[in-house]
Amino acid sequence: MVFSSYLLGRLSSVRGAVRPVRGSRTGLPSCLCTTPLQLRKASSFVGRFSSPITWRSMCVMLLAGGGVVWYVRNLRREKEAAAEKERTRSAGKASIGGPFSLVDHHGNPKTDKDFLGQWLLIYFGFTFCPDICPDEMEKLSLVVSTLDKIPTLPKVQPLFITVDCERDSPSVVKNYLKDFHPRFLGLTGTPEQIKAVAKAYRIYYSAGPKAEDHNDYLVDHSIIQYLVGPTGEFQEYFTKKRTAGEVASAVTNIMLRHKGKQKKQ
């Protein structure tokens, strides 16, 4: 009762304080004289400026935003992988090896295309080498024999390429290879041909001072073995420090990975 009397008193004071506005029969401000039609119009007007965001639209925006982020990150990863592949190509595999034209120890011409489809282990040396070349050739023979014992692996073709074509004729190379793995194939050629293949495989060689008979001299050269894949692409190199067991294990792993990739394709 007290609250009702207070409310009626306040209302009376408001009516007395507000001047009648033209068009208003009640004496209240026209802004307060709203009909149901005016209320609907007002609600429609306010609705135009209300937020259109709903839970559904928010989910769609989040999904769309996530898709854009994933696409950008994936694109960046692909670009980084391509750049890394290009760096590897320019600095490693693609910069070692290439076409060559030589003569084997049987006197038959041989090019790099004759060995496509085969795995190659290549060693550069010379037949008059007193100790290092025979040791490396024996090591390479042991590697090939070890790989031959693994039935799941294809046969590896070992190649001996001379860096001393002046003395290493086909017949001399043929006689030299008798002491090593029977599948060894020796290659020689003209000075220009040897220079070209050595350059392709980044092999350094230089003949030392010659004696009076011009047949007694040593050749300083890189001591390295190369593994080349069936497509003619360089796969790996092995220095003098690597043992036969280490080389055989590395070659096995590379060949198995290559075989796995072929199955996936």
Protein backbone atom coordinates (compact mmCIF):
# COMPACT_ATOMS: atom_id res chain seq x y z
CA MET A 1 0.00 0.00 0.00
CA VAL A 2 2.71 2.45 0.88
CA PHE A 3 4.65 1.60 -2.31
CA SER A 4 1.50 2.01 -4.45
CA SER A 5 0.74 5.41 -2.94
CA TYR A 6 4.36 6.46 -3.55
CA LEU A 7 4.22 5.32 -7.20
CA LEU A 8 0.93 7.20 -7.84
CA GLY A 9 2.40 10.31 -6.29
CA ARG A 10 5.45 10.18 -8.52
CA LEU A 11 3.32 9.66 -11.61
CA SER A 12 1.20 12.68 -10.72
CA SER A 13 4.28 14.82 -10.35
CA VAL A 14 5.54 13.71 -13.75
CA ARG A 15 2.22 14.51 -15.45
CA GLY A 16 2.25 17.92 -13.88
CA ALA A 17 5.83 18.62 -14.95
CA VAL A 18 5.50 17.60 -18.59
CA ARG A 19 3.83 19.93 -21.00
CA PRO A 20 1.31 18.48 -23.42
CA VAL A 21 2.83 17.94 -26.80
CA ARG A 22 0.90 18.63 -29.94
CA GLY A 23 -0.75 15.42 -31.08
CA SER A 24 -0.73 13.95 -27.57
CA ARG A 25 -4.01 13.58 -25.76
CA THR A 26 -2.57 12.24 -22.56
CA GLY A 27 -0.18 15.06 -21.85
CA LEU A 28 2.73 12.62 -21.79
CA PRO A 29 5.68 13.14 -24.18
CA SER A 30 5.00 11.86 -27.67
CA CYS A 31 8.01 9.53 -27.36
CA LEU A 32 6.14 7.68 -24.64
CA CYS A 33 2.88 7.49 -26.56
CA THR A 34 3.73 4.31 -28.54
CA THR A 35 1.06 2.18 -30.14
CA PRO A 36 1.49 -1.54 -30.93
CA LEU A 37 2.20 -0.60 -34.59
CA GLN A 38 4.93 1.82 -33.52
CA LEU A 39 6.47 -0.80 -31.27
CA ARG A 40 6.63 -3.30 -34.15
CA LYS A 41 8.26 -0.70 -36.38
CA ALA A 42 10.73 0.17 -33.66
CA SER A 43 11.58 -3.50 -33.12
CA SER A 44 12.10 -3.95 -36.87
CA PHE A 45 14.34 -0.89 -37.00
CA VAL A 46 16.48 -2.06 -34.09
CA GLY A 47 16.65 -5.57 -35.57
CA ARG A 48 18.38 -4.18 -38.64
CA PHE A 49 21.33 -3.12 -36.50
CA SER A 50 21.46 -6.15 -34.22
CA SER A 51 24.46 -8.53 -34.49
CA PRO A 52 24.08 -11.22 -37.23
CA ILE A 53 26.57 -13.58 -35.49
CA THR A 54 25.10 -16.91 -34.43
CA TRP A 55 26.70 -20.10 -33.18
CA ARG A 56 26.39 -21.61 -36.66
CA SER A 57 28.03 -18.64 -38.39
CA MET A 58 30.76 -18.59 -35.76
CA CYS A 59 31.52 -22.30 -36.37
CA VAL A 60 31.61 -21.75 -40.14
CA MET A 61 34.02 -18.84 -39.72
CA LEU A 62 36.27 -20.86 -37.42
CA LEU A 63 36.34 -23.78 -39.85
CA ALA A 64 37.06 -21.48 -42.79
CA GLY A 65 39.81 -19.71 -40.87
CA GLY A 66 41.36 -23.02 -39.84
CA GLY A 67 41.32 -24.18 -43.45
CA VAL A 68 43.13 -21.05 -44.58
CA VAL A 69 45.76 -21.44 -41.86
CA TRP A 70 46.31 -25.10 -42.79
CA TYR A 71 46.64 -24.24 -46.47
CA VAL A 72 49.18 -21.49 -45.82
CA ARG A 73 51.27 -23.69 -43.53
CA ASN A 74 51.16 -26.61 -45.94
CA LEU A 75 52.17 -24.34 -48.82
CA ARG A 76 55.07 -23.01 -46.78
CA ARG A 77 56.22 -26.55 -45.92
CA GLU A 78 56.11 -27.52 -49.59
CA LYS A 79 58.15 -24.47 -50.54
CA GLU A 80 60.71 -25.21 -47.83
CA ALA A 81 60.95 -28.86 -48.93
CA ALA A 82 61.41 -27.79 -52.55
CA ALA A 83 64.11 -25.32 -51.55
CA GLU A 84 65.90 -27.97 -49.49
CA LYS A 85 65.69 -30.41 -52.38
CA GLU A 86 67.13 -27.81 -54.72
CA ARG A 87 69.99 -27.11 -52.31
CA THR A 88 70.74 -30.82 -52.08
CA ARG A 89 70.53 -31.22 -55.82
CA SER A 90 72.83 -28.32 -56.58
CA ALA A 91 75.33 -29.18 -53.86
CA GLY A 92 75.26 -32.97 -53.86
CA LYS A 93 73.81 -35.70 -55.99
CA ALA A 94 73.18 -33.93 -59.25
CA SER A 95 76.64 -32.30 -59.18
CA ILE A 96 78.46 -35.66 -59.16
CA GLY A 97 78.51 -38.02 -62.13
CA GLY A 98 77.31 -37.65 -65.67
CA PRO A 99 77.76 -39.01 -69.18
CA PHE A 100 81.04 -40.58 -70.24
CA SER A 101 82.50 -42.46 -73.20
CA LEU A 102 85.34 -44.90 -72.53
CA VAL A 103 86.73 -48.30 -73.55
CA ASP A 104 86.51 -51.42 -71.38
CA HIS A 105 89.37 -53.87 -70.74
CA HIS A 106 88.08 -56.08 -73.57
CA GLY A 107 88.50 -53.23 -76.05
CA ASN A 108 84.77 -52.53 -76.37
CA PRO A 109 83.45 -48.95 -76.28
CA LYS A 110 81.33 -48.20 -73.23
CA THR A 111 79.21 -45.23 -72.24
CA ASP A 112 77.23 -44.41 -69.13
CA LYS A 113 74.06 -45.52 -70.94
CA ASP A 114 75.38 -49.08 -71.13
CA PHE A 115 75.07 -49.30 -67.35
CA LEU A 116 71.56 -47.97 -66.92
CA GLY A 117 69.47 -50.36 -64.85
CA GLN A 118 72.49 -51.49 -62.83
CA TRP A 119 73.93 -50.48 -59.48
CA LEU A 120 77.55 -49.37 -59.84
CA LEU A 121 80.46 -49.13 -57.43
CA ILE A 122 83.14 -47.02 -59.10
CA TYR A 123 86.77 -46.60 -58.13
CA PHE A 124 89.31 -44.33 -59.83
CA GLY A 125 92.96 -45.43 -59.69
CA PHE A 126 95.84 -46.73 -61.80
CA THR A 127 97.42 -50.12 -62.26
CA PHE A 128 100.97 -49.04 -61.37
CA CYS A 129 99.85 -47.86 -57.93
CA PRO A 130 102.09 -49.63 -55.39
CA ASP A 131 99.80 -49.97 -52.37
CA ILE A 132 96.70 -47.75 -51.93
CA CYS A 133 94.89 -48.79 -55.11
CA PRO A 134 95.37 -52.54 -54.51
CA ASP A 135 94.08 -52.12 -50.94
CA GLU A 136 91.01 -50.19 -52.10
CA MET A 137 90.34 -52.66 -54.90
CA GLU A 138 90.51 -55.56 -52.43
CA LYS A 139 88.14 -53.73 -50.12
CA LEU A 140 85.73 -53.10 -52.96
CA SER A 141 85.94 -56.76 -53.98
CA LEU A 142 85.00 -57.76 -50.44
CA VAL A 143 82.06 -55.33 -50.48
CA VAL A 144 80.74 -56.83 -53.73
CA SER A 145 81.15 -60.39 -52.40
CA THR A 146 79.27 -59.43 -49.22
CA LEU A 147 76.41 -57.91 -51.19
CA ASP A 148 76.23 -60.99 -53.43
CA LYS A 149 75.34 -63.06 -50.38
CA ILE A 150 72.12 -61.09 -49.85
CA PRO A 151 69.56 -62.72 -52.16
CA THR A 152 67.07 -59.84 -51.98
CA LEU A 153 69.56 -57.37 -53.45
CA PRO A 154 70.39 -56.99 -57.16
CA LYS A 155 73.94 -57.58 -58.35
CA VAL A 156 76.30 -54.65 -58.13
CA GLN A 157 78.65 -53.94 -61.03
CA PRO A 158 82.10 -52.81 -59.84
CA LEU A 159 84.00 -50.48 -62.18
CA PHE A 160 87.67 -49.55 -62.22
CA ILE A 161 88.40 -46.33 -64.13
CA THR A 162 92.03 -45.50 -64.68
CA VAL A 163 93.46 -42.02 -64.24
CA ASP A 164 96.65 -43.07 -66.04
CA CYS A 165 95.53 -43.80 -69.59
CA GLU A 166 99.08 -43.30 -70.88
CA ARG A 167 100.17 -46.62 -69.37
CA ASP A 168 96.85 -48.33 -68.64
CA SER A 169 95.84 -49.80 -71.98
CA PRO A 170 92.90 -52.24 -72.15
CA SER A 171 95.25 -55.21 -72.01
CA VAL A 172 97.17 -53.84 -69.02
CA VAL A 173 93.91 -53.16 -67.15
CA LYS A 174 92.64 -56.64 -68.00
CA ASN A 175 95.73 -58.25 -66.53
CA TYR A 176 95.51 -56.06 -63.44
CA LEU A 177 91.91 -57.01 -62.68
CA LYS A 178 92.71 -60.73 -62.48
CA ASP A 179 93.63 -60.29 -58.82
CA PHE A 180 90.24 -58.86 -57.83
CA HIS A 181 86.53 -59.67 -58.02
CA PRO A 182 85.76 -61.48 -61.28
CA ARG A 183 82.90 -59.11 -62.10
CA PHE A 184 85.18 -56.07 -62.14
CA LEU A 185 85.11 -54.14 -65.39
CA GLY A 186 88.02 -51.86 -66.22
CA LEU A 187 87.64 -48.68 -68.24
CA THR A 188 90.24 -46.53 -69.97
CA GLY A 189 90.32 -44.06 -72.83
CA THR A 190 92.04 -41.06 -74.32
CA PRO A 191 93.44 -38.28 -72.10
CA GLU A 192 90.42 -36.14 -73.03
CA GLN A 193 87.96 -38.89 -72.15
CA ILE A 194 89.62 -39.60 -68.79
CA LYS A 195 89.72 -35.88 -68.02
CA ALA A 196 86.00 -35.57 -68.78
CA VAL A 197 84.89 -38.49 -66.60
CA ALA A 198 87.19 -37.43 -63.74
CA LYS A 199 85.74 -33.93 -63.89
CA ALA A 200 82.18 -35.31 -63.84
CA TYR A 201 82.94 -37.31 -60.68
CA ARG A 202 85.03 -34.58 -59.05
CA ILE A 203 88.18 -36.68 -59.11
CA TYR A 204 91.54 -34.96 -58.77
CA TYR A 205 94.57 -36.58 -60.39
CA SER A 206 98.03 -35.42 -61.31
CA ALA A 207 101.00 -37.35 -62.64
CA GLY A 208 104.26 -36.94 -60.72
CA PRO A 209 107.73 -36.36 -62.14
CA LYS A 210 108.73 -38.96 -64.70
CA ALA A 211 111.97 -40.89 -64.82
CA GLU A 212 114.23 -41.07 -67.86
CA ASP A 213 112.27 -43.96 -69.40
CA HIS A 214 109.01 -41.94 -68.95
CA ASN A 215 107.31 -45.06 -67.60
CA ASP A 216 108.20 -44.92 -63.94
CA TYR A 217 106.08 -42.35 -62.11
CA LEU A 218 103.25 -42.14 -59.63
CA VAL A 219 99.88 -40.48 -60.01
CA ASP A 220 98.43 -38.50 -57.15
CA HIS A 221 94.63 -38.85 -57.14
CA SER A 222 91.48 -38.78 -55.02
CA ILE A 223 90.88 -41.98 -53.07
CA ILE A 224 87.15 -42.45 -53.15
CA GLN A 225 84.45 -44.92 -54.16
CA TYR A 226 81.10 -43.95 -55.64
CA LEU A 227 77.74 -45.69 -55.54
CA VAL A 228 75.57 -44.96 -58.59
CA GLY A 229 71.94 -46.02 -58.89
CA PRO A 230 70.11 -47.76 -61.75
CA THR A 231 69.06 -44.43 -63.28
CA GLY A 232 72.66 -43.21 -63.39
CA GLU A 233 72.20 -40.91 -60.41
CA PHE A 234 74.87 -40.56 -57.78
CA GLN A 235 73.78 -42.12 -54.47
CA GLU A 236 76.71 -42.04 -52.04
CA TYR A 237 80.49 -41.86 -51.77
CA PHE A 238 82.89 -43.69 -49.46
CA THR A 239 86.33 -42.54 -48.41
CA LYS A 240 89.42 -44.55 -47.56
CA LYS A 241 88.49 -44.51 -43.86
CA ARG A 242 85.36 -46.61 -44.39
CA THR A 243 85.80 -50.34 -43.86
CA ALA A 244 84.40 -52.98 -46.20
CA GLY A 245 81.73 -53.86 -43.65
CA GLU A 246 80.65 -50.23 -43.28
CA VAL A 247 80.46 -49.73 -47.03
CA ALA A 248 78.49 -52.95 -47.54
CA SER A 249 76.04 -51.97 -44.79
CA ALA A 250 75.54 -48.48 -46.22
CA VAL A 251 75.03 -49.80 -49.75
CA THR A 252 72.52 -52.37 -48.47
CA ASN A 253 70.46 -49.72 -46.71
CA ILE A 254 70.43 -47.45 -49.75
CA MET A 255 69.38 -50.26 -52.08
CA LEU A 256 66.61 -51.39 -49.73
CA ARG A 257 65.24 -47.84 -49.43
CA HIS A 258 65.28 -47.55 -53.20
CA LYS A 259 63.43 -50.85 -53.48
CA GLY A 260 60.82 -49.68 -50.98
CA LYS A 261 60.23 -46.47 -52.94
CA GLN A 262 59.70 -48.44 -56.13
CA LYS A 263 57.05 -50.61 -54.45
CA LYS A 264 55.13 -47.52 -53.29
CA GLN A 265 55.13 -46.19 -56.84
